[in-house]
Structure formats: structure tokens, C-alpha cells
């Protein structure tokens, strides 16, 4: 049987720890436009290269008691938290997707399940990294947002290539009832095929969601005379739409804005910020994206059932 934690969850957790360690490298270097390959991992304080046995996810941090072996300076809590966070996310992706695979399933169903798991894993990697980067540096690197958008579209293209005949076909217009019998022009159906529907629909979602935020950016600048929304946030919204589609992407943006507004209100109430204080909106958009990826579909279905 293709189920059980030893088959899916444990390997996913261990792989997640390793990828979480790599994600920490991206978080540390991409905002400063540094290479993620060279030099080797080193202490940011004493610059000593970290030996392989001091670079084992979680375990090394525990054995070193959260301090550099060479200079004794504290190692930020961010490192083990990111590793555990992504390991948990990858475990969730494996647990919710791979046990659904059964012997004898149609190949296209297997492909769709694999693309769902892969997309969920990659989206979590990107959002977790961007969440921390924006919180620490107020930057959302193109290496994650733009590359993520391309990856999201590529996954949709793979899914589109393995659709069943007429799966996801969309009827745009039926025969024109006013056309006379025997007319010279054939007024047949206008149909988007399943692959066209998936790919064009996802492109439309990206353009629409990014366009809404871009309009808000221009409108705010015209009214207030200053920037209120960064281009990185707009690219992030497009990336989420590439993976999630328009409605889940819009739900993620809605949640992010609400969370950011609550955070801003708390800071203002405590007199730690003003209306001019710059806030890491991207961090809260990422939190919204993570929540939308897990809970967005049932929440939207519940909301639609009210009408």
C-alpha cells in the first residue's frame, strides 16, 4: 500500500529540512544580490567558513546551542525556524497528495496529483522565503517573484498537456439562433479547448490581479503624491495568481491586506509607528498566500454557497 508516514511524511520532512537550509541561504543573500552558490556558508560575524558537520539542519544548531563555534556569537532563531517551517510545509504537501495515488490510476490523474504536490511545495518555498526577506529587508527579489511566476505557468502547461479529451473545455458561444438556414456563414460553437482554458485562464488571472494592484498604486500616488505600494508586491500578487488562480490569489491578497492593516493599527496604538511608516506588506501577502493555498478553496466555496 502506498500510504504511511515512513513512505511519504518522513522523507518529505527530511527533504524539507535540507531545502529549508538552502532557503536560508537564499534569504541571507538574495536581498543583497549576492550569489547563492559562492562563497560557502560562513558566519556573518567572524566570516569563518562553516564546516559541514556544523551545517546539519536543526541538529547542528542544537549541538552548538545556537552559537557560532568560532566566535560564539548567537545564530539567529530564523535559521532553525525556516528549516522546520518548510519541512512541515513539505510534509503537509506529501501527506495531502501522495496517499491519493492508487495502483492502476489513469496516468493523467497521476500527473495532476504530482503537479498539485509540486506546485504546493514550490509555492511554500517561495512564499516562506519572501515572507522573511520582506520582513527583514523590505525587499521582494525578482529571483523569487518573477521566476516563481514562470514556474507556476510551466506547471500549468504540464497539466494542460495531460488533460483528457474535452476536459476543461469552455463553450464561449453557441450557434447564432438568428442565422438563416442555409446561410453562407457557418455560425458554429466557439470553444476554448481544455489546454487553452487552463493556460489562458491562468495568464488572465495574473494580469487581472496584478493590474488591480497596479491601478491602486497609481491611484494612491496620484492622490497622495507618494508611493504607497511597491512593484515587488505587485509581482508577488502575480506569482500567487500563477500558482493559485485569480480567486485564491485575490483571497490571499485580501487576507494579507487585512493582516497588515491590523499590524499597522497595533503599532500606531502603541505609538511605534505613524501613517508614514513603511510596512512589510509583502510579508503579510505571503502569509495570506500560505493560508489561501491550504484553506482558500473551502472558504471560497462556503462563501459562494451563501448567495
C-alpha atoms as a PDB file:
ATOM      1  CA  UNK A   1       0.000   0.000   0.000  1.00  0.00           C
ATOM      2  CA  UNK A   2       1.266   3.454  -0.943  1.00  0.00           C
ATOM      3  CA  UNK A   3       0.424   5.059   2.380  1.00  0.00           C
ATOM      4  CA  UNK A   4       2.011   5.623   5.764  1.00  0.00           C
ATOM      5  CA  UNK A   5       4.351   8.157   7.322  1.00  0.00           C
ATOM      6  CA  UNK A   6       7.510   6.168   6.521  1.00  0.00           C
ATOM      7  CA  UNK A   7       6.665   6.291   2.824  1.00  0.00           C
ATOM      8  CA  UNK A   8       5.521   9.897   2.499  1.00  0.00           C
ATOM      9  CA  UNK A   9       5.838  12.079   5.565  1.00  0.00           C
ATOM     10  CA  UNK A  10       9.257  11.193   6.982  1.00  0.00           C
ATOM     11  CA  UNK A  11      11.159  11.518   3.666  1.00  0.00           C
ATOM     12  CA  UNK A  12       9.290  14.748   2.942  1.00  0.00           C
ATOM     13  CA  UNK A  13      10.210  16.147   6.353  1.00  0.00           C
ATOM     14  CA  UNK A  14      13.898  15.281   5.961  1.00  0.00           C
ATOM     15  CA  UNK A  15      13.980  16.710   2.437  1.00  0.00           C
ATOM     16  CA  UNK A  16      12.208  19.797   3.732  1.00  0.00           C
ATOM     17  CA  UNK A  17      14.930  20.335   6.327  1.00  0.00           C
ATOM     18  CA  UNK A  18      17.612  20.219   3.633  1.00  0.00           C
ATOM     19  CA  UNK A  19      15.714  22.553   1.313  1.00  0.00           C
ATOM     20  CA  UNK A  20      14.937  24.812   4.266  1.00  0.00           C
ATOM     21  CA  UNK A  21      18.675  25.132   4.878  1.00  0.00           C
ATOM     22  CA  UNK A  22      19.126  26.164   1.249  1.00  0.00           C
ATOM     23  CA  UNK A  23      16.226  28.581   1.626  1.00  0.00           C
ATOM     24  CA  UNK A  24      18.104  30.239   4.481  1.00  0.00           C
ATOM     25  CA  UNK A  25      20.997  30.847   2.101  1.00  0.00           C
ATOM     26  CA  UNK A  26      18.619  32.487  -0.378  1.00  0.00           C
ATOM     27  CA  UNK A  27      17.114  34.641   2.376  1.00  0.00           C
ATOM     28  CA  UNK A  28      20.543  35.804   3.504  1.00  0.00           C
ATOM     29  CA  UNK A  29      21.965  36.591   0.074  1.00  0.00           C
ATOM     30  CA  UNK A  30      19.292  37.433  -2.489  1.00  0.00           C
ATOM     31  CA  UNK A  31      18.220  40.796  -0.980  1.00  0.00           C
ATOM     32  CA  UNK A  32      21.846  41.947  -1.328  1.00  0.00           C
ATOM     33  CA  UNK A  33      22.096  40.464  -4.853  1.00  0.00           C
ATOM     34  CA  UNK A  34      24.794  38.043  -3.762  1.00  0.00           C
ATOM     35  CA  UNK A  35      25.464  34.639  -5.291  1.00  0.00           C
ATOM     36  CA  UNK A  36      23.700  31.764  -3.591  1.00  0.00           C
ATOM     37  CA  UNK A  37      26.459  29.370  -4.701  1.00  0.00           C
ATOM     38  CA  UNK A  38      29.676  31.125  -3.691  1.00  0.00           C
ATOM     39  CA  UNK A  39      31.232  31.542  -1.216  1.00  0.00           C
ATOM     40  CA  UNK A  40      30.406  28.643   1.073  1.00  0.00           C
ATOM     41  CA  UNK A  41      28.218  29.210   4.109  1.00  0.00           C
ATOM     42  CA  UNK A  42      30.010  31.315   6.704  1.00  0.00           C
ATOM     43  CA  UNK A  43      29.365  33.129   9.967  1.00  0.00           C
ATOM     44  CA  UNK A  44      28.109  36.668   9.257  1.00  0.00           C
ATOM     45  CA  UNK A  45      30.094  37.995  12.254  1.00  0.00           C
ATOM     46  CA  UNK A  46      33.536  36.365  12.099  1.00  0.00           C
ATOM     47  CA  UNK A  47      33.246  35.270   8.413  1.00  0.00           C
ATOM     48  CA  UNK A  48      34.655  31.829   9.212  1.00  0.00           C
ATOM     49  CA  UNK A  49      33.526  29.099   6.816  1.00  0.00           C
ATOM     50  CA  UNK A  50      31.025  26.740   8.437  1.00  0.00           C
ATOM     51  CA  UNK A  51      32.128  23.097   8.376  1.00  0.00           C
ATOM     52  CA  UNK A  52      29.718  20.517   7.030  1.00  0.00           C
ATOM     53  CA  UNK A  53      29.167  18.985  10.481  1.00  0.00           C
ATOM     54  CA  UNK A  54      28.156  22.418  11.796  1.00  0.00           C
ATOM     55  CA  UNK A  55      25.707  22.905   8.936  1.00  0.00           C
ATOM     56  CA  UNK A  56      23.320  19.991   9.515  1.00  0.00           C
ATOM     57  CA  UNK A  57      19.768  21.378   9.672  1.00  0.00           C
ATOM     58  CA  UNK A  58      18.399  21.741  13.219  1.00  0.00           C
ATOM     59  CA  UNK A  59      20.830  19.226  14.732  1.00  0.00           C
ATOM     60  CA  UNK A  60      23.912  21.435  14.411  1.00  0.00           C
ATOM     61  CA  UNK A  61      22.049  24.439  15.814  1.00  0.00           C
ATOM     62  CA  UNK A  62      21.027  22.391  18.847  1.00  0.00           C
ATOM     63  CA  UNK A  63      24.509  20.916  19.417  1.00  0.00           C
ATOM     64  CA  UNK A  64      26.126  24.351  19.090  1.00  0.00           C
ATOM     65  CA  UNK A  65      23.480  25.777  21.432  1.00  0.00           C
ATOM     66  CA  UNK A  66      22.601  28.392  18.866  1.00  0.00           C
ATOM     67  CA  UNK A  67      26.102  29.936  18.739  1.00  0.00           C
ATOM     68  CA  UNK A  68      28.950  30.088  16.225  1.00  0.00           C
ATOM     69  CA  UNK A  69      31.687  27.555  17.009  1.00  0.00           C
ATOM     70  CA  UNK A  70      34.419  30.110  16.211  1.00  0.00           C
ATOM     71  CA  UNK A  71      33.307  33.446  17.662  1.00  0.00           C
ATOM     72  CA  UNK A  72      30.499  32.419  19.981  1.00  0.00           C
ATOM     73  CA  UNK A  73      28.038  34.950  18.539  1.00  0.00           C
ATOM     74  CA  UNK A  74      24.376  33.859  18.584  1.00  0.00           C
ATOM     75  CA  UNK A  75      22.941  32.186  15.480  1.00  0.00           C
ATOM     76  CA  UNK A  76      19.593  33.763  14.709  1.00  0.00           C
ATOM     77  CA  UNK A  77      16.438  31.799  15.518  1.00  0.00           C
ATOM     78  CA  UNK A  78      15.397  32.414  11.931  1.00  0.00           C
ATOM     79  CA  UNK A  79      17.602  29.567  10.680  1.00  0.00           C
ATOM     80  CA  UNK A  80      16.005  26.641  12.557  1.00  0.00           C
ATOM     81  CA  UNK A  81      12.524  28.171  12.251  1.00  0.00           C
ATOM     82  CA  UNK A  82      12.757  28.385   8.455  1.00  0.00           C
ATOM     83  CA  UNK A  83      14.078  24.823   8.264  1.00  0.00           C
ATOM     84  CA  UNK A  84      11.306  23.444  10.465  1.00  0.00           C
ATOM     85  CA  UNK A  85       8.699  25.612   8.763  1.00  0.00           C
ATOM     86  CA  UNK A  86       9.463  24.384   5.269  1.00  0.00           C
ATOM     87  CA  UNK A  87       9.881  20.793   6.455  1.00  0.00           C
ATOM     88  CA  UNK A  88       6.373  20.986   7.928  1.00  0.00           C
ATOM     89  CA  UNK A  89       5.034  22.520   4.710  1.00  0.00           C
ATOM     90  CA  UNK A  90       6.595  19.832   2.513  1.00  0.00           C
ATOM     91  CA  UNK A  91       5.271  17.141   4.838  1.00  0.00           C
ATOM     92  CA  UNK A  92       1.786  18.628   4.507  1.00  0.00           C
ATOM     93  CA  UNK A  93       2.075  18.643   0.708  1.00  0.00           C
ATOM     94  CA  UNK A  94       3.120  14.988   0.668  1.00  0.00           C
ATOM     95  CA  UNK A  95       0.524  13.926   3.206  1.00  0.00           C
ATOM     96  CA  UNK A  96      -2.399  15.517   1.377  1.00  0.00           C
ATOM     97  CA  UNK A  97      -1.433  14.479  -2.147  1.00  0.00           C
ATOM     98  CA  UNK A  98       0.558  11.283  -2.458  1.00  0.00           C
ATOM     99  CA  UNK A  99      -1.697   8.986  -0.400  1.00  0.00           C
ATOM    100  CA  UNK A 100      -4.376   9.689  -3.020  1.00  0.00           C
ATOM    101  CA  UNK A 101      -2.330   7.800  -5.605  1.00  0.00           C
ATOM    102  CA  UNK A 102      -3.515   4.239  -6.072  1.00  0.00           C
ATOM    103  CA  UNK A 103      -2.269   1.410  -8.311  1.00  0.00           C
ATOM    104  CA  UNK A 104      -3.963   1.420 -11.684  1.00  0.00           C
ATOM    105  CA  UNK A 105      -4.930   5.093 -11.645  1.00  0.00           C
ATOM    106  CA  UNK A 106      -5.087   6.813 -15.074  1.00  0.00           C
ATOM    107  CA  UNK A 107      -1.791   8.431 -15.996  1.00  0.00           C
ATOM    108  CA  UNK A 108      -3.282  11.907 -16.391  1.00  0.00           C
ATOM    109  CA  UNK A 109      -4.727  11.667 -12.858  1.00  0.00           C
ATOM    110  CA  UNK A 110      -1.288  10.775 -11.530  1.00  0.00           C
ATOM    111  CA  UNK A 111       0.249  13.727 -13.397  1.00  0.00           C
ATOM    112  CA  UNK A 112      -2.354  16.123 -11.979  1.00  0.00           C
ATOM    113  CA  UNK A 113      -1.710  14.868  -8.428  1.00  0.00           C
ATOM    114  CA  UNK A 114       2.047  15.207  -8.884  1.00  0.00           C
ATOM    115  CA  UNK A 115       1.672  18.730 -10.273  1.00  0.00           C
ATOM    116  CA  UNK A 116      -0.553  19.673  -7.331  1.00  0.00           C
ATOM    117  CA  UNK A 117       2.035  18.424  -4.847  1.00  0.00           C
ATOM    118  CA  UNK A 118       4.920  20.018  -6.726  1.00  0.00           C
ATOM    119  CA  UNK A 119       3.119  23.338  -7.066  1.00  0.00           C
ATOM    120  CA  UNK A 120       2.174  23.386  -3.388  1.00  0.00           C
ATOM    121  CA  UNK A 121       5.757  22.607  -2.359  1.00  0.00           C
ATOM    122  CA  UNK A 122       7.331  25.239  -4.625  1.00  0.00           C
ATOM    123  CA  UNK A 123       4.786  27.879  -3.654  1.00  0.00           C
ATOM    124  CA  UNK A 124       5.519  27.256   0.023  1.00  0.00           C
ATOM    125  CA  UNK A 125       9.266  27.537  -0.606  1.00  0.00           C
ATOM    126  CA  UNK A 126       8.852  30.852  -2.430  1.00  0.00           C
ATOM    127  CA  UNK A 127       6.339  32.386  -0.032  1.00  0.00           C
ATOM    128  CA  UNK A 128       8.243  31.387   3.106  1.00  0.00           C
ATOM    129  CA  UNK A 129      11.427  32.891   1.681  1.00  0.00           C
ATOM    130  CA  UNK A 130       9.753  36.101   0.552  1.00  0.00           C
ATOM    131  CA  UNK A 131       7.938  36.389   3.875  1.00  0.00           C
ATOM    132  CA  UNK A 132      11.224  36.510   5.787  1.00  0.00           C
ATOM    133  CA  UNK A 133      13.084  38.616   3.221  1.00  0.00           C
ATOM    134  CA  UNK A 134      10.457  41.345   3.165  1.00  0.00           C
ATOM    135  CA  UNK A 135      10.186  41.363   6.961  1.00  0.00           C
ATOM    136  CA  UNK A 136      13.945  41.747   7.396  1.00  0.00           C
ATOM    137  CA  UNK A 137      14.916  43.899   4.410  1.00  0.00           C
ATOM    138  CA  UNK A 138      11.689  45.259   2.827  1.00  0.00           C
ATOM    139  CA  UNK A 139      12.690  43.630  -0.463  1.00  0.00           C
ATOM    140  CA  UNK A 140      10.969  41.038  -2.643  1.00  0.00           C
ATOM    141  CA  UNK A 141      13.673  39.820  -5.055  1.00  0.00           C
ATOM    142  CA  UNK A 142      12.766  39.185  -8.697  1.00  0.00           C
ATOM    143  CA  UNK A 143      14.705  35.927  -8.420  1.00  0.00           C
ATOM    144  CA  UNK A 144      11.740  34.612  -6.425  1.00  0.00           C
ATOM    145  CA  UNK A 145       8.740  36.599  -7.695  1.00  0.00           C
ATOM    146  CA  UNK A 146       9.391  36.580 -11.452  1.00  0.00           C
ATOM    147  CA  UNK A 147      10.986  33.126 -11.503  1.00  0.00           C
ATOM    148  CA  UNK A 148       8.095  31.865  -9.396  1.00  0.00           C
ATOM    149  CA  UNK A 149       5.576  33.200 -11.914  1.00  0.00           C
ATOM    150  CA  UNK A 150       7.337  31.339 -14.727  1.00  0.00           C
ATOM    151  CA  UNK A 151       7.433  28.125 -12.688  1.00  0.00           C
ATOM    152  CA  UNK A 152       3.722  28.425 -11.899  1.00  0.00           C
ATOM    153  CA  UNK A 153       2.915  28.814 -15.598  1.00  0.00           C
ATOM    154  CA  UNK A 154       5.174  25.897 -16.501  1.00  0.00           C
ATOM    155  CA  UNK A 155       3.324  23.625 -14.086  1.00  0.00           C
ATOM    156  CA  UNK A 156       0.004  24.678 -15.626  1.00  0.00           C
ATOM    157  CA  UNK A 157       1.383  23.897 -19.089  1.00  0.00           C
ATOM    158  CA  UNK A 158       2.388  20.412 -17.934  1.00  0.00           C
ATOM    159  CA  UNK A 159      -1.105  19.844 -16.537  1.00  0.00           C
ATOM    160  CA  UNK A 160      -2.637  21.116 -19.773  1.00  0.00           C
ATOM    161  CA  UNK A 161      -0.558  18.675 -21.814  1.00  0.00           C
ATOM    162  CA  UNK A 162      -2.069  15.686 -19.984  1.00  0.00           C
ATOM    163  CA  UNK A 163      -5.755  16.643 -19.950  1.00  0.00           C
ATOM    164  CA  UNK A 164      -8.288  14.128 -21.161  1.00  0.00           C
ATOM    165  CA  UNK A 165     -10.094  14.945 -24.436  1.00  0.00           C
ATOM    166  CA  UNK A 166     -12.566  17.809 -23.866  1.00  0.00           C
ATOM    167  CA  UNK A 167     -11.602  18.087 -20.180  1.00  0.00           C
ATOM    168  CA  UNK A 168     -11.993  21.714 -19.061  1.00  0.00           C
ATOM    169  CA  UNK A 169     -13.324  22.741 -22.493  1.00  0.00           C
ATOM    170  CA  UNK A 170     -15.201  26.045 -22.253  1.00  0.00           C
ATOM    171  CA  UNK A 171     -18.112  26.967 -24.531  1.00  0.00           C
ATOM    172  CA  UNK A 172     -17.827  30.667 -25.301  1.00  0.00           C
ATOM    173  CA  UNK A 173     -20.719  30.952 -27.775  1.00  0.00           C
ATOM    174  CA  UNK A 174     -23.205  28.537 -29.262  1.00  0.00           C
ATOM    175  CA  UNK A 175     -24.843  28.697 -32.707  1.00  0.00           C
ATOM    176  CA  UNK A 176     -26.471  32.040 -33.530  1.00  0.00           C
ATOM    177  CA  UNK A 177     -30.265  31.450 -33.473  1.00  0.00           C
ATOM    178  CA  UNK A 178     -30.838  34.360 -35.890  1.00  0.00           C
ATOM    179  CA  UNK A 179     -28.763  32.824 -38.667  1.00  0.00           C
ATOM    180  CA  UNK A 180     -30.966  31.711 -41.541  1.00  0.00           C
ATOM    181  CA  UNK A 181     -30.942  28.092 -42.639  1.00  0.00           C
ATOM    182  CA  UNK A 182     -28.510  27.589 -45.488  1.00  0.00           C
ATOM    183  CA  UNK A 183     -26.699  30.843 -44.808  1.00  0.00           C
ATOM    184  CA  UNK A 184     -23.264  31.305 -46.356  1.00  0.00           C
ATOM    185  CA  UNK A 185     -21.515  31.668 -42.978  1.00  0.00           C
ATOM    186  CA  UNK A 186     -21.284  28.739 -40.577  1.00  0.00           C
ATOM    187  CA  UNK A 187     -22.214  30.027 -37.112  1.00  0.00           C
ATOM    188  CA  UNK A 188     -20.890  27.083 -35.078  1.00  0.00           C
ATOM    189  CA  UNK A 189     -19.768  26.827 -31.498  1.00  0.00           C
ATOM    190  CA  UNK A 190     -16.820  28.855 -30.253  1.00  0.00           C
ATOM    191  CA  UNK A 191     -14.951  26.738 -27.757  1.00  0.00           C
ATOM    192  CA  UNK A 192     -11.772  27.130 -25.737  1.00  0.00           C
ATOM    193  CA  UNK A 193     -10.111  23.746 -25.516  1.00  0.00           C
ATOM    194  CA  UNK A 194      -9.085  22.476 -22.107  1.00  0.00           C
ATOM    195  CA  UNK A 195      -5.386  23.396 -22.507  1.00  0.00           C
ATOM    196  CA  UNK A 196      -6.289  26.853 -23.827  1.00  0.00           C
ATOM    197  CA  UNK A 197      -8.736  27.327 -20.964  1.00  0.00           C
ATOM    198  CA  UNK A 198      -6.161  26.395 -18.308  1.00  0.00           C
ATOM    199  CA  UNK A 199      -3.221  28.350 -19.694  1.00  0.00           C
ATOM    200  CA  UNK A 200      -5.068  31.469 -20.867  1.00  0.00           C
ATOM    201  CA  UNK A 201      -7.152  31.475 -17.688  1.00  0.00           C
ATOM    202  CA  UNK A 202      -4.038  31.483 -15.537  1.00  0.00           C
ATOM    203  CA  UNK A 203      -2.437  34.236 -17.624  1.00  0.00           C
ATOM    204  CA  UNK A 204      -5.650  36.240 -17.294  1.00  0.00           C
ATOM    205  CA  UNK A 205      -5.595  35.706 -13.524  1.00  0.00           C
ATOM    206  CA  UNK A 206      -2.034  37.019 -13.284  1.00  0.00           C
ATOM    207  CA  UNK A 207      -2.704  40.075 -15.423  1.00  0.00           C
ATOM    208  CA  UNK A 208      -6.001  40.900 -13.690  1.00  0.00           C
ATOM    209  CA  UNK A 209      -4.745  40.582 -10.110  1.00  0.00           C
ATOM    210  CA  UNK A 210      -1.507  42.439 -10.825  1.00  0.00           C
ATOM    211  CA  UNK A 211      -3.460  45.045 -12.794  1.00  0.00           C
ATOM    212  CA  UNK A 212      -5.802  45.726  -9.883  1.00  0.00           C
ATOM    213  CA  UNK A 213      -2.870  46.359  -7.555  1.00  0.00           C
ATOM    214  CA  UNK A 214      -1.095  48.404 -10.209  1.00  0.00           C
ATOM    215  CA  UNK A 215      -4.169  50.615 -10.546  1.00  0.00           C
ATOM    216  CA  UNK A 216      -4.253  51.066  -6.756  1.00  0.00           C
ATOM    217  CA  UNK A 217      -0.567  52.005  -6.833  1.00  0.00           C
ATOM    218  CA  UNK A 218      -1.071  54.678  -9.491  1.00  0.00           C
ATOM    219  CA  UNK A 219      -4.272  55.991  -7.904  1.00  0.00           C
ATOM    220  CA  UNK A 220      -2.644  56.304  -4.476  1.00  0.00           C
ATOM    221  CA  UNK A 221       0.352  58.118  -5.915  1.00  0.00           C
ATOM    222  CA  UNK A 222      -1.905  60.494  -7.850  1.00  0.00           C
ATOM    223  CA  UNK A 223      -3.945  61.316  -4.751  1.00  0.00           C
ATOM    224  CA  UNK A 224      -1.215  61.395  -2.106  1.00  0.00           C
ATOM    225  CA  UNK A 225       1.825  62.297  -4.180  1.00  0.00           C
ATOM    226  CA  UNK A 226       3.956  59.422  -2.824  1.00  0.00           C
ATOM    227  CA  UNK A 227       4.411  55.696  -3.276  1.00  0.00           C
ATOM    228  CA  UNK A 228       2.047  53.526  -1.295  1.00  0.00           C
ATOM    229  CA  UNK A 229       2.565  50.131  -2.898  1.00  0.00           C
ATOM    230  CA  UNK A 230       5.814  48.670  -4.181  1.00  0.00           C
ATOM    231  CA  UNK A 231       6.265  46.922  -7.509  1.00  0.00           C
ATOM    232  CA  UNK A 232       7.557  43.913  -5.593  1.00  0.00           C
ATOM    233  CA  UNK A 233       4.127  43.476  -4.010  1.00  0.00           C
ATOM    234  CA  UNK A 234       2.514  43.569  -7.459  1.00  0.00           C
ATOM    235  CA  UNK A 235       4.935  40.951  -8.803  1.00  0.00           C
ATOM    236  CA  UNK A 236       4.234  38.839  -5.717  1.00  0.00           C
ATOM    237  CA  UNK A 237       0.485  39.009  -6.386  1.00  0.00           C
ATOM    238  CA  UNK A 238       1.048  37.897  -9.990  1.00  0.00           C
ATOM    239  CA  UNK A 239       3.186  34.995  -8.756  1.00  0.00           C
ATOM    240  CA  UNK A 240       0.485  33.830  -6.363  1.00  0.00           C
ATOM    241  CA  UNK A 241      -2.092  34.024  -9.161  1.00  0.00           C
ATOM    242  CA  UNK A 242       0.196  31.883 -11.356  1.00  0.00           C
ATOM    243  CA  UNK A 243       0.031  29.093  -8.775  1.00  0.00           C
ATOM    244  CA  UNK A 244      -3.420  29.587  -7.270  1.00  0.00           C
ATOM    245  CA  UNK A 245      -5.555  31.224  -9.950  1.00  0.00           C
ATOM    246  CA  UNK A 246      -7.443  34.502  -9.644  1.00  0.00           C
ATOM    247  CA  UNK A 247      -9.921  33.837  -6.838  1.00  0.00           C
ATOM    248  CA  UNK A 248      -7.476  32.140  -4.488  1.00  0.00           C
ATOM    249  CA  UNK A 249      -4.881  34.782  -5.349  1.00  0.00           C
ATOM    250  CA  UNK A 250      -7.398  37.541  -4.621  1.00  0.00           C
ATOM    251  CA  UNK A 251      -8.289  35.830  -1.345  1.00  0.00           C
ATOM    252  CA  UNK A 252      -4.579  35.767  -0.440  1.00  0.00           C
ATOM    253  CA  UNK A 253      -4.237  39.484  -1.190  1.00  0.00           C
ATOM    254  CA  UNK A 254      -7.382  40.259   0.814  1.00  0.00           C
ATOM    255  CA  UNK A 255      -6.069  38.348   3.827  1.00  0.00           C
ATOM    256  CA  UNK A 256      -2.654  39.974   3.510  1.00  0.00           C
ATOM    257  CA  UNK A 257      -4.095  43.481   3.445  1.00  0.00           C
ATOM    258  CA  UNK A 258      -6.332  42.765   6.458  1.00  0.00           C
ATOM    259  CA  UNK A 259      -3.421  41.326   8.440  1.00  0.00           C
ATOM    260  CA  UNK A 260      -1.152  44.228   7.517  1.00  0.00           C
ATOM    261  CA  UNK A 261      -3.833  46.741   8.493  1.00  0.00           C
ATOM    262  CA  UNK A 262      -4.225  45.024  11.860  1.00  0.00           C
ATOM    263  CA  UNK A 263      -0.462  45.093  12.391  1.00  0.00           C
ATOM    264  CA  UNK A 264      -0.316  48.777  11.441  1.00  0.00           C
ATOM    265  CA  UNK A 265      -3.178  49.594  13.793  1.00  0.00           C
ATOM    266  CA  UNK A 266      -1.391  47.829  16.637  1.00  0.00           C
ATOM    267  CA  UNK A 267       1.836  49.754  16.007  1.00  0.00           C
ATOM    268  CA  UNK A 268       0.012  53.091  15.827  1.00  0.00           C
ATOM    269  CA  UNK A 269      -1.940  52.360  19.009  1.00  0.00           C
ATOM    270  CA  UNK A 270       1.349  51.633  20.778  1.00  0.00           C
ATOM    271  CA  UNK A 271       2.897  54.774  19.231  1.00  0.00           C
ATOM    272  CA  UNK A 272       5.577  52.760  17.493  1.00  0.00           C
ATOM    273  CA  UNK A 273       4.536  53.906  14.009  1.00  0.00           C
ATOM    274  CA  UNK A 274       2.755  56.680  12.148  1.00  0.00           C
ATOM    275  CA  UNK A 275       0.745  56.871   8.955  1.00  0.00           C
ATOM    276  CA  UNK A 276       4.037  57.447   7.105  1.00  0.00           C
ATOM    277  CA  UNK A 277       5.808  54.348   8.466  1.00  0.00           C
ATOM    278  CA  UNK A 278       6.842  51.843   5.807  1.00  0.00           C
ATOM    279  CA  UNK A 279       5.414  48.381   6.457  1.00  0.00           C
ATOM    280  CA  UNK A 280       6.394  44.968   5.003  1.00  0.00           C
ATOM    281  CA  UNK A 281       3.121  44.369   3.164  1.00  0.00           C
ATOM    282  CA  UNK A 282       4.769  41.551   1.208  1.00  0.00           C
ATOM    283  CA  UNK A 283       5.240  39.568   4.410  1.00  0.00           C
ATOM    284  CA  UNK A 284       1.509  39.651   5.111  1.00  0.00           C
ATOM    285  CA  UNK A 285       0.652  38.884   1.478  1.00  0.00           C
ATOM    286  CA  UNK A 286       2.835  35.790   1.791  1.00  0.00           C
ATOM    287  CA  UNK A 287       1.008  34.752   4.959  1.00  0.00           C
ATOM    288  CA  UNK A 288      -2.251  35.234   3.067  1.00  0.00           C
ATOM    289  CA  UNK A 289      -0.903  33.102   0.219  1.00  0.00           C
ATOM    290  CA  UNK A 290       0.070  30.262   2.549  1.00  0.00           C
ATOM    291  CA  UNK A 291      -3.365  30.315   4.183  1.00  0.00           C
ATOM    292  CA  UNK A 292      -5.136  30.527   0.811  1.00  0.00           C
ATOM    293  CA  UNK A 293      -3.202  27.534  -0.523  1.00  0.00           C
ATOM    294  CA  UNK A 294      -4.454  25.402   2.373  1.00  0.00           C
ATOM    295  CA  UNK A 295      -7.868  26.793   3.282  1.00  0.00           C
ATOM    296  CA  UNK A 296      -8.809  29.082   0.399  1.00  0.00           C
ATOM    297  CA  UNK A 297     -10.838  26.641  -1.696  1.00  0.00           C
ATOM    298  CA  UNK A 298     -13.267  25.544   1.076  1.00  0.00           C
ATOM    299  CA  UNK A 299     -13.605  29.132   2.345  1.00  0.00           C
ATOM    300  CA  UNK A 300     -14.478  30.446  -1.119  1.00  0.00           C
ATOM    301  CA  UNK A 301     -16.903  27.539  -1.682  1.00  0.00           C
ATOM    302  CA  UNK A 302     -18.582  28.302   1.648  1.00  0.00           C
ATOM    303  CA  UNK A 303     -18.837  31.997   0.797  1.00  0.00           C
ATOM    304  CA  UNK A 304     -20.293  31.271  -2.652  1.00  0.00           C
ATOM    305  CA  UNK A 305     -22.917  28.989  -1.074  1.00  0.00           C
ATOM    306  CA  UNK A 306     -24.338  31.971   0.814  1.00  0.00           C
ATOM    307  CA  UNK A 307     -25.680  33.518  -2.414  1.00  0.00           C
END
